[in-house]
Amino acid sequence: MAYFILYGKNRPMETGSMYGIKSKKMYSTTHDRRRFISDAYKVLALGGITMLGFGMKPNDNPPAARHTRSGRADTRHGGPETSSILIINEKFSSLKHANGWLNSRALSNSDLKNKVIVVNFWTYTCINWLRQLPYIREWSQRYKNKGLIVIGVHTPEFGFEQHLSNVRTATSKLNVDYPVAIDNDRVIWETFNNNYWPALYVFDAKGKLRHQKFGEGGYDECEQVIKQLLYESAAVDLDDGLVHSVGKGVEAPADWNNLFSPENYLGRVRTENFISMVERSQDRRKNYTIPEQLKLNQWALSGEWTFNAENIHSKMPGVKIAYQFHARDLHLVMGPSMNGKPVQFRILINGESPGNAHGTDVDEKGNGIVIE
């Protein structure tokens, strides 16, 4: 069993959402009650559990995306609402080096001739992409019979995201019904000279790149570009309005005004602000302790854990993880041990059950289970 415990002091709190993904199944927790989380987040794991990272985004000032160490686009929601179109001297690159396809046979350039194309780079644990997804889905549905084709390029960040069965499960669970090119070798990523999750590239019917967007936001501008390019290709009877999709659960828009905690990783290669009293050891089990106090964005462990390159892992009962953060939502990538046995977990807030603030993965007492 695993337990997630949130501790707050005297300030109001907003329960976050825990997003955990194991190799085959995704777990998302969303909350109805709005508070500000501003203190420690603790996890008790009984059984074996693997954790990879917390997914939150800092409250930066610029609306533009930036290149993080992980390559993820770190951006505020929003962007200019204009229909200006870039004329970029780049042609659509072939997708022939995809490792495989979902929702479609392999698409060649001839299949895409005279089509307005939206290429969306994504990986299924990326919270930025999950919040972008409602717009991508709706654009595909609204304009696919008007000459638009949306192609998702799934370029994994973590090793488990390379498994086709995992991506297939994610596309099904998230209702991704447009063609998806599998880019495990990052050949398409490199061909596009891409550096971000998520990234959007919009090509006109002649195959020229006319618009690009890195990170979240700018949805009105992007849709206006799509519509203008469809008109250029002689499309008719386009809807006058724009998509104003409000995602739910893990797809809900970020609360940027109350987001002061950055994305972090739990593996030894990328982690930051780890302050357990025992120094972490590479690929070796060690007993850790949690300090009495954590500052904002610090995290710590209790019990016997192993630091791997991409994750932390424990086979022991009663282990804990504590993280102090300030955000509306918390997303955690997690999974059971290598033997695949289910791992139960529990979330507590200020030492108490979450009650009505529980998400889709837990009950009112905070109990949940990672099955696969």
Protein backbone atom coordinates (compact mmCIF):
# COMPACT_ATOMS: atom_id res chain seq x y z
CA MET A 1 0.00 0.00 0.00
CA ALA A 2 1.12 3.58 -0.64
CA TYR A 3 -0.04 6.64 1.24
CA PHE A 4 0.08 10.27 0.12
CA ILE A 5 -0.10 12.77 2.97
CA LEU A 6 -0.32 16.56 2.53
CA TYR A 7 0.58 18.78 5.46
CA GLY A 8 -0.35 22.46 5.74
CA LYS A 9 0.17 25.15 8.33
CA ASN A 10 -2.18 28.05 9.01
CA ARG A 11 -2.67 29.24 5.46
CA PRO A 12 -5.56 28.01 3.28
CA MET A 13 -4.77 25.02 1.09
CA GLU A 14 -5.86 23.81 -2.32
CA THR A 15 -5.62 20.09 -2.86
CA GLY A 16 -3.56 19.07 -5.81
CA SER A 17 -3.99 16.32 -8.33
CA MET A 18 -1.76 13.27 -8.27
CA TYR A 19 -0.97 11.90 -11.68
CA GLY A 20 0.70 8.51 -11.61
CA ILE A 21 1.57 6.37 -14.59
CA LYS A 22 2.89 2.89 -14.56
CA SER A 23 3.90 1.08 -17.70
CA LYS A 24 0.41 0.11 -18.81
CA LYS A 25 -2.14 2.19 -16.99
CA MET A 26 -2.42 5.87 -16.19
CA TYR A 27 -3.74 7.18 -12.93
CA SER A 28 -5.05 10.68 -12.53
CA THR A 29 -6.43 12.36 -9.46
CA THR A 30 -8.43 15.54 -9.73
CA HIS A 31 -9.96 17.57 -6.96
CA ASP A 32 -13.11 19.62 -6.63
CA ARG A 33 -12.24 21.81 -3.66
CA ARG A 34 -10.02 24.80 -4.39
CA ARG A 35 -7.28 25.46 -1.85
CA PHE A 36 -3.64 26.43 -1.92
CA ILE A 37 -1.21 23.66 -1.17
CA SER A 38 1.74 25.21 0.55
CA ASP A 39 3.36 22.57 2.68
CA ALA A 40 4.67 19.02 2.79
CA TYR A 41 3.44 16.21 0.62
CA LYS A 42 4.17 12.77 2.05
CA VAL A 43 3.91 9.32 0.56
CA LEU A 44 3.90 6.04 2.44
CA ALA A 45 4.55 3.03 0.23
CA LEU A 46 3.85 -0.52 1.33
CA GLY A 47 4.71 -3.18 -1.16
CA GLY A 48 7.10 -2.05 -3.98
CA ILE A 49 6.68 1.22 -5.73
CA THR A 50 8.56 3.23 -8.32
CA MET A 51 8.32 6.99 -8.64
CA LEU A 52 9.75 9.21 -11.34
CA GLY A 53 8.82 12.82 -10.82
CA PHE A 54 6.51 15.61 -9.74
CA GLY A 55 4.88 17.55 -12.55
CA MET A 56 4.14 21.19 -11.80
CA LYS A 57 5.10 24.37 -13.58
CA PRO A 58 6.50 27.58 -12.07
CA ASN A 59 4.74 30.89 -12.16
CA ASP A 60 7.10 32.50 -14.65
CA ASN A 61 6.40 35.91 -16.14
CA PRO A 62 7.01 35.41 -19.89
CA PRO A 63 4.23 33.63 -21.81
CA ALA A 64 6.69 32.05 -24.21
CA ALA A 65 8.00 28.53 -23.84
CA ARG A 66 11.52 27.86 -22.70
CA HIS A 67 13.77 24.89 -23.12
CA THR A 68 14.19 23.03 -19.84
CA ARG A 69 16.73 20.33 -19.11
CA SER A 70 14.10 17.74 -19.97
CA GLY A 71 13.21 19.52 -23.17
CA ARG A 72 9.72 20.20 -21.91
CA ALA A 73 8.15 23.50 -22.77
CA ASP A 74 7.67 25.55 -19.64
CA THR A 75 5.09 28.19 -20.40
CA ARG A 76 2.24 30.20 -19.00
CA HIS A 77 -1.21 29.63 -20.40
CA GLY A 78 -2.14 32.14 -23.05
CA GLY A 79 -0.64 33.88 -26.02
CA PRO A 80 -1.44 36.49 -28.65
CA GLU A 81 -4.92 36.18 -30.12
CA THR A 82 -4.09 37.21 -33.67
CA SER A 83 -4.28 35.45 -37.01
CA SER A 84 -0.84 36.44 -38.23
CA ILE A 85 0.81 33.68 -40.22
CA LEU A 86 4.50 33.03 -40.52
CA ILE A 87 5.96 32.23 -43.91
CA ILE A 88 8.79 29.92 -42.96
CA ASN A 89 11.05 28.53 -45.63
CA GLU A 90 10.74 24.96 -44.42
CA LYS A 91 8.92 22.06 -46.03
CA PHE A 92 7.09 19.24 -44.32
CA SER A 93 9.49 16.46 -43.38
CA SER A 94 8.74 12.84 -44.09
CA LEU A 95 7.50 10.64 -41.26
CA LYS A 96 8.83 7.48 -42.88
CA HIS A 97 11.24 6.82 -40.00
CA ALA A 98 8.46 6.35 -37.45
CA ASN A 99 8.87 3.17 -35.39
CA GLY A 100 5.19 2.44 -35.84
CA TRP A 101 1.76 4.00 -36.05
CA LEU A 102 -1.42 4.03 -34.00
CA ASN A 103 -4.91 4.86 -35.30
CA SER A 104 -3.64 4.78 -38.87
CA ARG A 105 -1.50 2.96 -41.36
CA ALA A 106 1.88 4.54 -42.03
CA LEU A 107 1.32 7.90 -43.71
CA SER A 108 3.54 8.98 -46.58
CA ASN A 109 3.93 12.45 -48.00
CA SER A 110 1.65 11.47 -50.87
CA ASP A 111 -1.08 10.61 -48.35
CA LEU A 112 -0.79 14.12 -46.97
CA LYS A 113 -0.80 15.92 -50.30
CA ASN A 114 -3.10 18.96 -50.36
CA LYS A 115 -3.79 18.60 -46.65
CA VAL A 116 -3.33 21.23 -43.97
CA ILE A 117 -1.22 19.40 -41.40
CA VAL A 118 -0.83 19.90 -37.66
CA VAL A 119 2.09 17.97 -36.17
CA ASN A 120 1.95 17.73 -32.38
CA PHE A 121 4.97 16.41 -30.46
CA TRP A 122 3.91 14.81 -27.18
CA THR A 123 4.69 12.24 -24.54
CA TYR A 124 1.89 10.85 -22.47
CA THR A 125 3.20 11.79 -19.01
CA CYS A 126 3.73 15.45 -19.93
CA ILE A 127 1.25 17.59 -18.00
CA ASN A 128 1.69 20.50 -20.44
CA TRP A 129 0.57 18.30 -23.31
CA LEU A 130 -2.32 16.87 -21.31
CA ARG A 131 -3.63 20.40 -20.77
CA GLN A 132 -3.22 21.13 -24.49
CA LEU A 133 -4.91 17.92 -25.60
CA PRO A 134 -8.58 19.09 -25.43
CA TYR A 135 -7.84 21.67 -28.11
CA ILE A 136 -5.93 19.26 -30.35
CA ARG A 137 -8.73 16.70 -30.10
CA GLU A 138 -11.41 19.25 -30.92
CA TRP A 139 -9.49 20.72 -33.88
CA SER A 140 -9.14 17.25 -35.35
CA GLN A 141 -12.85 16.54 -34.97
CA ARG A 142 -13.99 19.94 -36.21
CA TYR A 143 -11.79 20.26 -39.29
CA LYS A 144 -10.86 16.73 -40.40
CA ASN A 145 -13.57 16.78 -43.08
CA LYS A 146 -12.45 20.23 -44.22
CA GLY A 147 -8.92 19.27 -45.23
CA LEU A 148 -7.06 19.15 -41.90
CA ILE A 149 -5.11 16.20 -40.58
CA VAL A 150 -3.64 16.16 -37.08
CA ILE A 151 -0.66 13.87 -36.52
CA GLY A 152 0.63 13.22 -33.05
CA VAL A 153 4.32 12.35 -32.83
CA HIS A 154 4.93 10.47 -29.60
CA THR A 155 8.55 11.00 -28.61
CA PRO A 156 9.18 9.42 -25.18
CA GLU A 157 11.08 10.98 -22.32
CA PHE A 158 11.19 8.01 -19.94
CA GLY A 159 12.15 4.47 -20.83
CA PHE A 160 8.72 2.99 -20.09
CA GLU A 161 7.14 5.45 -22.53
CA GLN A 162 8.87 3.59 -25.36
CA HIS A 163 6.63 0.55 -24.97
CA LEU A 164 4.00 0.58 -27.70
CA SER A 165 1.45 -1.09 -25.43
CA ASN A 166 1.76 1.80 -22.98
CA VAL A 167 1.25 4.42 -25.67
CA ARG A 168 -1.69 2.46 -27.06
CA THR A 169 -3.28 2.39 -23.61
CA ALA A 170 -2.71 6.12 -23.18
CA THR A 171 -4.21 7.00 -26.57
CA SER A 172 -7.28 4.91 -25.78
CA LYS A 173 -7.73 6.29 -22.27
CA LEU A 174 -7.25 9.88 -23.44
CA ASN A 175 -9.46 9.53 -26.54
CA VAL A 176 -6.65 10.33 -28.96
CA ASP A 177 -8.24 9.13 -32.20
CA TYR A 178 -6.08 10.90 -34.78
CA PRO A 179 -2.95 9.27 -36.31
CA VAL A 180 0.01 8.86 -33.97
CA ALA A 181 3.56 8.28 -35.22
CA ILE A 182 5.80 6.46 -32.75
CA ASP A 183 9.19 8.19 -32.54
CA ASN A 184 11.14 6.07 -30.05
CA ASP A 185 14.45 6.73 -31.83
CA ARG A 186 13.81 10.50 -31.95
CA VAL A 187 14.47 10.59 -35.67
CA ILE A 188 11.36 12.69 -36.37
CA TRP A 189 12.13 14.88 -33.35
CA GLU A 190 15.60 15.59 -34.72
CA THR A 191 14.35 16.07 -38.27
CA PHE A 192 12.08 18.83 -37.01
CA ASN A 193 14.91 20.15 -34.82
CA ASN A 194 12.38 20.07 -32.00
CA ASN A 195 13.25 20.70 -28.35
CA TYR A 196 9.90 20.83 -26.59
CA TRP A 197 6.95 18.91 -25.23
CA PRO A 198 4.42 19.89 -26.35
CA ALA A 199 5.18 21.47 -29.72
CA LEU A 200 2.86 22.35 -32.60
CA TYR A 201 3.86 22.74 -36.23
CA VAL A 202 1.23 23.84 -38.76
CA PHE A 203 1.83 23.27 -42.49
CA ASP A 204 -0.25 24.59 -45.36
CA ALA A 205 -1.64 22.45 -48.17
CA LYS A 206 1.58 22.95 -50.14
CA GLY A 207 3.64 21.50 -47.32
CA LYS A 208 5.17 24.77 -46.10
CA LEU A 209 5.56 25.47 -42.41
CA ARG A 210 3.36 28.45 -41.58
CA HIS A 211 3.06 28.45 -37.80
CA GLN A 212 4.72 26.91 -34.76
CA LYS A 213 4.00 27.00 -31.06
CA PHE A 214 6.01 25.57 -28.16
CA GLY A 215 4.29 24.87 -24.88
CA GLU A 216 0.79 25.65 -23.74
CA GLY A 217 -1.38 28.57 -24.75
CA GLY A 218 -1.88 30.46 -27.99
CA TYR A 219 -4.84 28.27 -28.91
CA ASP A 220 -6.94 30.99 -30.54
CA GLU A 221 -4.02 32.10 -32.69
CA CYS A 222 -3.24 28.55 -33.75
CA GLU A 223 -6.85 27.78 -34.67
CA GLN A 224 -7.12 31.01 -36.64
CA VAL A 225 -4.03 29.96 -38.58
CA ILE A 226 -5.55 26.55 -39.25
CA LYS A 227 -8.77 28.12 -40.53
CA GLN A 228 -6.96 30.60 -42.73
CA LEU A 229 -4.86 27.83 -44.28
CA LEU A 230 -7.99 25.76 -44.88
CA TYR A 231 -9.57 28.73 -46.63
CA GLU A 232 -6.43 29.07 -48.75
CA SER A 233 -6.88 25.44 -49.79
CA ALA A 234 -10.49 26.16 -50.85
CA ALA A 235 -12.27 24.82 -47.79
CA VAL A 236 -15.80 26.15 -47.32
CA ASP A 237 -18.41 26.37 -44.59
CA LEU A 238 -15.98 26.58 -41.70
CA ASP A 239 -17.41 27.26 -38.26
CA ASP A 240 -17.14 30.96 -37.41
CA GLY A 241 -16.28 30.32 -33.78
CA LEU A 242 -13.15 29.08 -32.05
CA VAL A 243 -12.70 26.15 -29.73
CA HIS A 244 -12.94 27.17 -26.10
CA SER A 245 -12.48 23.77 -24.61
CA VAL A 246 -12.11 23.53 -20.85
CA GLY A 247 -10.40 20.30 -19.94
CA LYS A 248 -11.31 18.32 -16.86
CA GLY A 249 -9.20 16.30 -14.49
CA VAL A 250 -5.56 16.23 -15.56
CA GLU A 251 -6.56 18.19 -18.68
CA ALA A 252 -7.81 21.16 -16.66
CA PRO A 253 -6.08 24.49 -17.39
CA ALA A 254 -3.35 25.45 -14.95
CA ASP A 255 -3.93 27.99 -12.21
CA TRP A 256 -0.89 30.08 -13.09
CA ASN A 257 -1.55 32.74 -10.46
CA ASN A 258 -1.04 30.25 -7.66
CA LEU A 259 1.73 28.13 -9.08
CA PHE A 260 5.09 28.56 -7.40
CA SER A 261 6.58 25.09 -7.65
CA PRO A 262 8.57 23.85 -10.65
CA GLU A 263 8.64 20.45 -12.25
CA ASN A 264 11.04 18.09 -10.54
CA TYR A 265 12.40 14.59 -11.07
CA LEU A 266 12.96 11.94 -8.44
CA GLY A 267 15.74 10.00 -10.20
CA ARG A 268 19.33 10.82 -9.31
CA VAL A 269 20.19 12.32 -12.71
CA ARG A 270 17.74 15.23 -12.69
CA THR A 271 16.44 15.70 -9.18
CA GLU A 272 16.77 18.98 -7.31
CA ASN A 273 16.18 20.15 -3.73
CA PHE A 274 16.50 16.72 -2.14
CA ILE A 275 17.35 17.24 1.53
CA SER A 276 17.06 13.93 3.38
CA MET A 277 19.67 13.62 6.10
CA VAL A 278 21.45 10.74 4.35
CA GLU A 279 23.19 11.53 1.07
CA ARG A 280 21.61 9.71 -1.86
CA SER A 281 23.59 6.77 -3.19
CA GLN A 282 23.70 5.59 -6.78
CA ASP A 283 21.75 2.37 -7.40
CA ARG A 284 22.11 1.28 -3.77
CA ARG A 285 19.48 0.88 -1.08
CA LYS A 286 19.80 3.32 1.79
CA ASN A 287 17.75 4.38 4.76
CA TYR A 288 16.68 8.01 4.61
CA THR A 289 15.10 10.36 7.12
CA ILE A 290 12.88 13.39 6.66
CA PRO A 291 13.96 16.63 8.37
CA GLU A 292 11.56 18.29 10.78
CA GLN A 293 10.97 21.15 8.35
CA LEU A 294 10.97 21.46 4.57
CA LYS A 295 11.24 24.75 2.73
CA LEU A 296 9.21 25.45 -0.39
CA ASN A 297 10.00 22.97 -3.19
CA GLN A 298 12.22 20.77 -1.05
CA TRP A 299 11.55 17.06 -0.81
CA ALA A 300 12.81 14.18 1.29
CA LEU A 301 12.46 10.46 1.91
CA SER A 302 11.96 8.23 4.91
CA GLY A 303 12.80 4.54 4.97
CA GLU A 304 14.75 2.36 2.58
CA TRP A 305 14.88 3.62 -1.01
CA THR A 306 17.05 3.07 -4.07
CA PHE A 307 17.97 6.00 -6.33
CA ASN A 308 18.02 4.93 -9.97
CA ALA A 309 18.84 7.16 -12.91
CA GLU A 310 15.19 7.87 -13.78
CA ASN A 311 13.36 7.00 -10.59
CA ILE A 312 13.40 6.07 -6.94
CA HIS A 313 12.30 2.62 -5.89
CA SER A 314 11.41 0.88 -2.66
CA LYS A 315 10.40 -2.67 -1.78
CA MET A 316 9.89 -1.95 1.90
CA PRO A 317 6.65 -1.20 3.76
CA GLY A 318 6.20 2.10 5.54
CA VAL A 319 8.50 4.21 3.40
CA LYS A 320 7.59 7.87 2.91
CA ILE A 321 8.20 10.76 0.59
CA ALA A 322 7.62 14.36 1.64
CA TYR A 323 7.43 17.35 -0.66
CA GLN A 324 6.59 20.95 0.17
CA PHE A 325 5.03 22.85 -2.69
CA HIS A 326 2.61 25.62 -3.60
CA ALA A 327 0.25 24.80 -6.45
CA ARG A 328 -3.31 23.86 -7.23
CA ASP A 329 -2.33 20.54 -8.79
CA LEU A 330 0.35 17.97 -8.11
CA HIS A 331 1.10 15.30 -10.68
CA LEU A 332 3.19 12.29 -9.75
CA VAL A 333 4.49 9.63 -12.12
CA MET A 334 4.52 6.32 -10.29
CA GLY A 335 4.17 2.58 -10.72
CA PRO A 336 4.35 -0.73 -8.83
CA SER A 337 7.40 -2.92 -8.54
CA MET A 338 8.90 -5.05 -11.29
CA ASN A 339 6.81 -8.07 -10.33
CA GLY A 340 3.71 -6.12 -11.26
CA LYS A 341 1.88 -6.63 -7.99
CA PRO A 342 -0.63 -3.90 -7.12
CA VAL A 343 0.49 -1.23 -4.68
CA GLN A 344 -2.01 0.49 -2.44
CA PHE A 345 -1.52 4.11 -1.49
CA ARG A 346 -3.18 6.75 0.61
CA ILE A 347 -3.27 10.55 0.52
CA LEU A 348 -3.66 12.62 3.67
CA ILE A 349 -3.90 16.39 3.92
CA ASN A 350 -2.66 17.90 7.16
CA GLY A 351 -2.67 14.37 8.49
CA GLU A 352 -6.35 13.93 7.62
CA SER A 353 -8.27 12.18 4.86
CA PRO A 354 -8.94 14.37 1.80
CA GLY A 355 -12.71 14.00 2.02
CA ASN A 356 -14.45 15.79 -0.85
CA ALA A 357 -11.06 16.90 -2.17
CA HIS A 358 -10.17 13.35 -3.22
CA GLY A 359 -9.53 12.67 -6.88
CA THR A 360 -10.48 9.97 -9.33
CA ASP A 361 -7.78 7.60 -8.10
CA VAL A 362 -8.66 7.72 -4.43
CA ASP A 363 -11.70 7.55 -2.19
CA GLU A 364 -12.69 10.05 0.47
CA LYS A 365 -10.25 8.46 2.89
CA GLY A 366 -7.45 8.96 0.39
CA ASN A 367 -7.06 5.27 -0.46
CA GLY A 368 -6.03 4.24 -3.95
CA ILE A 369 -4.19 1.49 -5.77
CA VAL A 370 -1.66 1.27 -8.60
CA ILE A 371 -2.78 -1.82 -10.50
CA GLU A 372 -0.66 -1.91 -13.65
